[in-house]
Amino acid sequence: VSTQSTGDSVTWVKSTVNRRLAKGHGFYLQHAKETCLVGKKGADPVGMRGNAFPDLIYSERRGQSQKPEELYSLIESFVPNGKYLEIFARRNNLRNYWVSVGLEL
C-alpha cells in the first residue's frame, strides 16, 4: 500500500469511424493522440487495483474535447467508488461522481 502521491499516463490514440488514424489540426504533426494524466494523492483507496490495466486506448474520436468512454471506465475500474477529478472539462464531459473543472463550465 502506497501512501505517496503518484502519477502516470494513459495514451488515447484517436481513430475514425473506419478505424483509421484520425488526423488532427496540428501545424507540423497530426495530433492523432492525447495523453491523459492519471494521479493519486495519499494512501491507496480501498479496492484500488494496480498493474491490471493498459496504458493505451484506441478509440474513435468523438465531439470537441470529448474523451473516450473507455478512459472513464478504466479509471473507475482502477479505483472503484473513488473521488474523480477531470480538468479541462466541457459540458459534454460531465459525469456523475466526477468533479469537473474547465473554462466552459
N, C-alpha and C. Protein backbone atom coordinates (compact mmCIF):
# COMPACT_ATOMS: atom_id res chain seq x y z
N VAL A 1 0.85 -1.18 0.00
CA VAL A 1 0.00 0.00 0.00
C VAL A 1 0.89 1.24 0.00
N SER A 2 0.68 2.08 -0.96
CA SER A 2 1.49 3.29 -1.08
C SER A 2 0.76 4.46 -0.42
N THR A 3 1.51 5.29 0.29
CA THR A 3 0.93 6.49 0.89
C THR A 3 1.45 7.74 0.20
N GLN A 4 2.18 7.58 -0.89
CA GLN A 4 2.74 8.71 -1.60
C GLN A 4 1.84 9.12 -2.74
N SER A 5 2.03 10.36 -3.18
CA SER A 5 1.36 10.81 -4.38
C SER A 5 2.09 10.22 -5.58
N THR A 6 1.34 9.74 -6.54
CA THR A 6 1.95 9.15 -7.73
C THR A 6 1.19 9.61 -8.97
N GLY A 7 1.83 9.48 -10.10
CA GLY A 7 1.19 9.85 -11.35
C GLY A 7 1.62 8.93 -12.47
N ASP A 8 0.79 8.83 -13.46
CA ASP A 8 1.07 8.00 -14.63
C ASP A 8 0.26 8.58 -15.79
N SER A 9 0.26 7.93 -16.90
CA SER A 9 -0.49 8.44 -18.03
C SER A 9 -1.12 7.30 -18.84
N VAL A 10 -2.17 7.65 -19.53
CA VAL A 10 -2.84 6.76 -20.48
C VAL A 10 -2.83 7.51 -21.81
N THR A 11 -2.44 6.85 -22.88
CA THR A 11 -2.44 7.47 -24.21
C THR A 11 -3.67 7.02 -24.97
N TRP A 12 -4.40 8.00 -25.47
CA TRP A 12 -5.58 7.74 -26.29
C TRP A 12 -5.22 7.99 -27.74
N VAL A 13 -5.21 6.94 -28.55
CA VAL A 13 -4.97 7.05 -29.98
C VAL A 13 -6.33 7.19 -30.64
N LYS A 14 -6.52 8.31 -31.33
CA LYS A 14 -7.82 8.63 -31.92
C LYS A 14 -7.98 7.96 -33.28
N SER A 15 -9.14 7.34 -33.49
CA SER A 15 -9.41 6.70 -34.78
C SER A 15 -10.67 7.31 -35.39
N THR A 16 -10.85 7.03 -36.68
CA THR A 16 -12.07 7.44 -37.38
C THR A 16 -13.10 6.32 -37.25
N VAL A 17 -14.30 6.55 -37.78
CA VAL A 17 -15.33 5.50 -37.75
C VAL A 17 -14.89 4.28 -38.55
N ASN A 18 -13.95 4.46 -39.49
CA ASN A 18 -13.41 3.37 -40.30
C ASN A 18 -12.18 2.72 -39.67
N ARG A 19 -11.91 3.06 -38.40
CA ARG A 19 -10.78 2.51 -37.63
C ARG A 19 -9.41 2.92 -38.20
N ARG A 20 -9.37 4.06 -38.89
CA ARG A 20 -8.11 4.61 -39.37
C ARG A 20 -7.63 5.68 -38.40
N LEU A 21 -6.37 6.01 -38.46
CA LEU A 21 -5.82 7.03 -37.60
C LEU A 21 -6.48 8.37 -37.91
N ALA A 22 -7.03 9.02 -36.89
CA ALA A 22 -7.71 10.30 -37.08
C ALA A 22 -6.68 11.41 -37.20
N LYS A 23 -6.81 12.23 -38.20
CA LYS A 23 -5.89 13.35 -38.40
C LYS A 23 -6.40 14.56 -37.65
N GLY A 24 -5.49 15.23 -36.92
CA GLY A 24 -5.85 16.41 -36.16
C GLY A 24 -5.51 17.67 -36.93
N HIS A 25 -5.46 18.78 -36.21
CA HIS A 25 -5.24 20.09 -36.83
C HIS A 25 -3.88 20.68 -36.50
N GLY A 26 -2.91 19.86 -36.22
CA GLY A 26 -1.59 20.38 -35.89
C GLY A 26 -0.90 21.02 -37.08
N PHE A 27 0.01 21.94 -36.82
CA PHE A 27 0.74 22.61 -37.89
C PHE A 27 1.82 21.71 -38.46
N TYR A 28 2.61 21.08 -37.59
CA TYR A 28 3.68 20.19 -38.04
C TYR A 28 3.30 18.72 -37.92
N LEU A 29 2.60 18.38 -36.87
CA LEU A 29 2.21 16.99 -36.61
C LEU A 29 0.69 16.88 -36.63
N GLN A 30 0.19 15.68 -36.79
CA GLN A 30 -1.25 15.47 -36.95
C GLN A 30 -2.04 15.42 -35.65
N HIS A 31 -1.40 15.28 -34.53
CA HIS A 31 -2.08 15.23 -33.24
C HIS A 31 -3.19 14.19 -33.22
N ALA A 32 -2.84 12.97 -33.52
CA ALA A 32 -3.81 11.87 -33.55
C ALA A 32 -3.87 11.14 -32.21
N LYS A 33 -3.28 11.73 -31.17
CA LYS A 33 -3.32 11.10 -29.85
C LYS A 33 -3.43 12.18 -28.79
N GLU A 34 -3.87 11.75 -27.61
CA GLU A 34 -3.88 12.63 -26.45
C GLU A 34 -3.31 11.85 -25.27
N THR A 35 -2.56 12.55 -24.44
CA THR A 35 -2.04 11.96 -23.22
C THR A 35 -2.93 12.39 -22.08
N CYS A 36 -3.45 11.43 -21.36
CA CYS A 36 -4.34 11.69 -20.24
C CYS A 36 -3.57 11.36 -18.96
N LEU A 37 -3.36 12.36 -18.12
CA LEU A 37 -2.62 12.16 -16.89
C LEU A 37 -3.54 11.55 -15.83
N VAL A 38 -3.02 10.60 -15.09
CA VAL A 38 -3.76 9.92 -14.04
C VAL A 38 -2.91 10.03 -12.78
N GLY A 39 -3.48 10.56 -11.72
CA GLY A 39 -2.71 10.75 -10.50
C GLY A 39 -3.46 10.29 -9.27
N LYS A 40 -2.69 10.09 -8.20
CA LYS A 40 -3.24 9.66 -6.92
C LYS A 40 -2.51 10.42 -5.83
N LYS A 41 -3.26 10.87 -4.84
CA LYS A 41 -2.66 11.57 -3.71
C LYS A 41 -2.96 10.80 -2.44
N GLY A 42 -1.95 10.53 -1.65
CA GLY A 42 -2.15 9.87 -0.37
C GLY A 42 -2.23 8.36 -0.47
N ALA A 43 -2.82 7.76 0.56
CA ALA A 43 -2.90 6.30 0.67
C ALA A 43 -3.78 5.73 -0.44
N ASP A 44 -3.49 4.49 -0.81
CA ASP A 44 -4.31 3.80 -1.81
C ASP A 44 -5.73 3.66 -1.28
N PRO A 45 -6.74 4.03 -2.09
CA PRO A 45 -8.12 3.85 -1.66
C PRO A 45 -8.46 2.36 -1.53
N VAL A 46 -9.41 2.06 -0.69
CA VAL A 46 -9.87 0.67 -0.53
C VAL A 46 -10.38 0.18 -1.87
N GLY A 47 -9.96 -1.00 -2.28
CA GLY A 47 -10.41 -1.59 -3.54
C GLY A 47 -9.59 -1.21 -4.75
N MET A 48 -8.56 -0.39 -4.56
CA MET A 48 -7.73 0.03 -5.70
C MET A 48 -7.00 -1.18 -6.28
N ARG A 49 -7.04 -1.28 -7.61
CA ARG A 49 -6.36 -2.38 -8.30
C ARG A 49 -5.18 -1.82 -9.07
N GLY A 50 -4.05 -2.44 -8.94
CA GLY A 50 -2.86 -1.98 -9.64
C GLY A 50 -2.37 -2.97 -10.67
N ASN A 51 -1.64 -2.48 -11.66
CA ASN A 51 -0.97 -3.29 -12.67
C ASN A 51 -1.93 -4.22 -13.43
N ALA A 52 -3.15 -3.79 -13.61
CA ALA A 52 -4.14 -4.64 -14.28
C ALA A 52 -4.77 -3.96 -15.50
N PHE A 53 -4.28 -2.78 -15.86
CA PHE A 53 -4.94 -2.01 -16.92
C PHE A 53 -3.93 -1.55 -17.96
N PRO A 54 -4.34 -1.47 -19.21
CA PRO A 54 -3.44 -1.00 -20.27
C PRO A 54 -3.24 0.52 -20.17
N ASP A 55 -2.13 1.00 -20.71
CA ASP A 55 -1.92 2.44 -20.74
C ASP A 55 -2.16 3.01 -22.14
N LEU A 56 -2.86 2.25 -22.97
CA LEU A 56 -3.16 2.67 -24.33
C LEU A 56 -4.63 2.38 -24.63
N ILE A 57 -5.33 3.39 -25.12
CA ILE A 57 -6.72 3.24 -25.55
C ILE A 57 -6.78 3.61 -27.02
N TYR A 58 -7.31 2.73 -27.84
CA TYR A 58 -7.51 3.00 -29.26
C TYR A 58 -9.01 3.14 -29.45
N SER A 59 -9.48 4.37 -29.63
CA SER A 59 -10.91 4.62 -29.64
C SER A 59 -11.27 5.71 -30.64
N GLU A 60 -12.50 5.66 -31.10
CA GLU A 60 -13.00 6.61 -32.08
C GLU A 60 -13.04 8.03 -31.50
N ARG A 61 -12.61 8.98 -32.31
CA ARG A 61 -12.68 10.39 -31.93
C ARG A 61 -14.14 10.80 -31.82
N ARG A 62 -14.45 11.56 -30.78
CA ARG A 62 -15.83 11.99 -30.54
C ARG A 62 -15.95 13.48 -30.75
N GLY A 63 -16.84 14.13 -30.03
CA GLY A 63 -17.04 15.57 -30.16
C GLY A 63 -15.84 16.37 -29.69
N GLN A 64 -15.90 17.68 -29.86
CA GLN A 64 -14.82 18.58 -29.48
C GLN A 64 -14.42 18.36 -28.02
N SER A 65 -13.17 18.01 -27.81
CA SER A 65 -12.60 17.78 -26.47
C SER A 65 -13.33 16.72 -25.66
N GLN A 66 -14.04 15.85 -26.31
CA GLN A 66 -14.77 14.79 -25.61
C GLN A 66 -13.89 13.55 -25.51
N LYS A 67 -13.65 13.14 -24.28
CA LYS A 67 -12.79 11.99 -24.05
C LYS A 67 -13.55 10.69 -24.31
N PRO A 68 -12.83 9.61 -24.57
CA PRO A 68 -13.50 8.34 -24.85
C PRO A 68 -14.11 7.73 -23.59
N GLU A 69 -15.22 7.08 -23.74
CA GLU A 69 -15.88 6.40 -22.63
C GLU A 69 -14.93 5.40 -21.97
N GLU A 70 -14.07 4.77 -22.76
CA GLU A 70 -13.13 3.78 -22.23
C GLU A 70 -12.20 4.38 -21.17
N LEU A 71 -11.87 5.66 -21.30
CA LEU A 71 -10.99 6.30 -20.33
C LEU A 71 -11.68 6.39 -18.97
N TYR A 72 -12.91 6.83 -18.96
CA TYR A 72 -13.65 6.92 -17.70
C TYR A 72 -13.84 5.53 -17.09
N SER A 73 -14.19 4.56 -17.91
CA SER A 73 -14.39 3.19 -17.42
C SER A 73 -13.12 2.62 -16.82
N LEU A 74 -11.98 2.88 -17.46
CA LEU A 74 -10.70 2.40 -16.96
C LEU A 74 -10.41 3.00 -15.58
N ILE A 75 -10.57 4.31 -15.45
CA ILE A 75 -10.27 4.97 -14.18
C ILE A 75 -11.23 4.52 -13.09
N GLU A 76 -12.51 4.40 -13.42
CA GLU A 76 -13.49 3.98 -12.43
C GLU A 76 -13.29 2.52 -12.02
N SER A 77 -12.75 1.68 -12.90
CA SER A 77 -12.43 0.30 -12.55
C SER A 77 -11.16 0.23 -11.72
N PHE A 78 -10.22 1.10 -12.03
CA PHE A 78 -8.94 1.15 -11.32
C PHE A 78 -9.14 1.53 -9.86
N VAL A 79 -10.02 2.50 -9.62
CA VAL A 79 -10.33 2.96 -8.26
C VAL A 79 -11.84 2.95 -8.08
N PRO A 80 -12.42 1.81 -7.73
CA PRO A 80 -13.88 1.75 -7.55
C PRO A 80 -14.33 2.68 -6.42
N ASN A 81 -15.43 3.37 -6.66
CA ASN A 81 -16.00 4.29 -5.66
C ASN A 81 -15.02 5.36 -5.22
N GLY A 82 -14.15 5.77 -6.13
CA GLY A 82 -13.14 6.78 -5.80
C GLY A 82 -13.67 8.19 -5.92
N LYS A 83 -12.77 9.12 -5.71
CA LYS A 83 -13.05 10.53 -5.92
C LYS A 83 -12.34 10.90 -7.21
N TYR A 84 -13.08 11.36 -8.20
CA TYR A 84 -12.53 11.59 -9.53
C TYR A 84 -12.56 13.07 -9.88
N LEU A 85 -11.52 13.53 -10.55
CA LEU A 85 -11.41 14.92 -10.98
C LEU A 85 -11.02 14.96 -12.44
N GLU A 86 -11.74 15.75 -13.21
CA GLU A 86 -11.38 15.97 -14.60
C GLU A 86 -11.12 17.46 -14.79
N ILE A 87 -9.93 17.80 -15.29
CA ILE A 87 -9.63 19.19 -15.59
C ILE A 87 -9.75 19.38 -17.10
N PHE A 88 -9.92 20.60 -17.53
CA PHE A 88 -10.16 20.95 -18.93
C PHE A 88 -11.46 20.32 -19.43
N ALA A 89 -12.42 20.19 -18.55
CA ALA A 89 -13.71 19.56 -18.92
C ALA A 89 -14.58 20.54 -19.70
N ARG A 90 -15.50 19.98 -20.43
CA ARG A 90 -16.54 20.74 -21.14
C ARG A 90 -17.87 20.13 -20.77
N ARG A 91 -18.94 20.79 -21.17
CA ARG A 91 -20.28 20.31 -20.81
C ARG A 91 -20.54 18.88 -21.28
N ASN A 92 -20.00 18.51 -22.45
CA ASN A 92 -20.24 17.15 -22.96
C ASN A 92 -19.44 16.08 -22.22
N ASN A 93 -18.59 16.50 -21.25
CA ASN A 93 -17.80 15.54 -20.48
C ASN A 93 -18.34 15.33 -19.07
N LEU A 94 -19.40 16.04 -18.68
CA LEU A 94 -19.88 15.94 -17.30
C LEU A 94 -20.38 14.53 -17.01
N ARG A 95 -20.00 14.04 -15.82
CA ARG A 95 -20.36 12.68 -15.42
C ARG A 95 -20.73 12.67 -13.94
N ASN A 96 -21.60 11.76 -13.57
CA ASN A 96 -21.94 11.57 -12.16
C ASN A 96 -20.70 11.10 -11.40
N TYR A 97 -20.55 11.60 -10.18
CA TYR A 97 -19.47 11.22 -9.25
C TYR A 97 -18.11 11.77 -9.64
N TRP A 98 -18.04 12.66 -10.61
CA TRP A 98 -16.80 13.30 -11.01
C TRP A 98 -16.90 14.79 -10.70
N VAL A 99 -15.78 15.38 -10.25
CA VAL A 99 -15.68 16.83 -10.16
C VAL A 99 -15.06 17.28 -11.47
N SER A 100 -15.73 18.17 -12.17
CA SER A 100 -15.27 18.62 -13.48
C SER A 100 -14.93 20.10 -13.40
N VAL A 101 -13.74 20.46 -13.89
CA VAL A 101 -13.28 21.83 -13.86
C VAL A 101 -12.88 22.22 -15.27
N GLY A 102 -13.34 23.39 -15.73
CA GLY A 102 -12.97 23.85 -17.06
C GLY A 102 -13.51 25.25 -17.31
N LEU A 103 -12.92 25.96 -18.26
CA LEU A 103 -13.32 27.33 -18.55
C LEU A 103 -14.74 27.42 -19.12
N GLU A 104 -15.21 26.39 -19.76
CA GLU A 104 -16.51 26.45 -20.43
C GLU A 104 -17.64 25.87 -19.60
N LEU A 105 -17.42 25.68 -18.31
CA LEU A 105 -18.48 25.13 -17.43
C LEU A 105 -19.17 26.24 -16.70
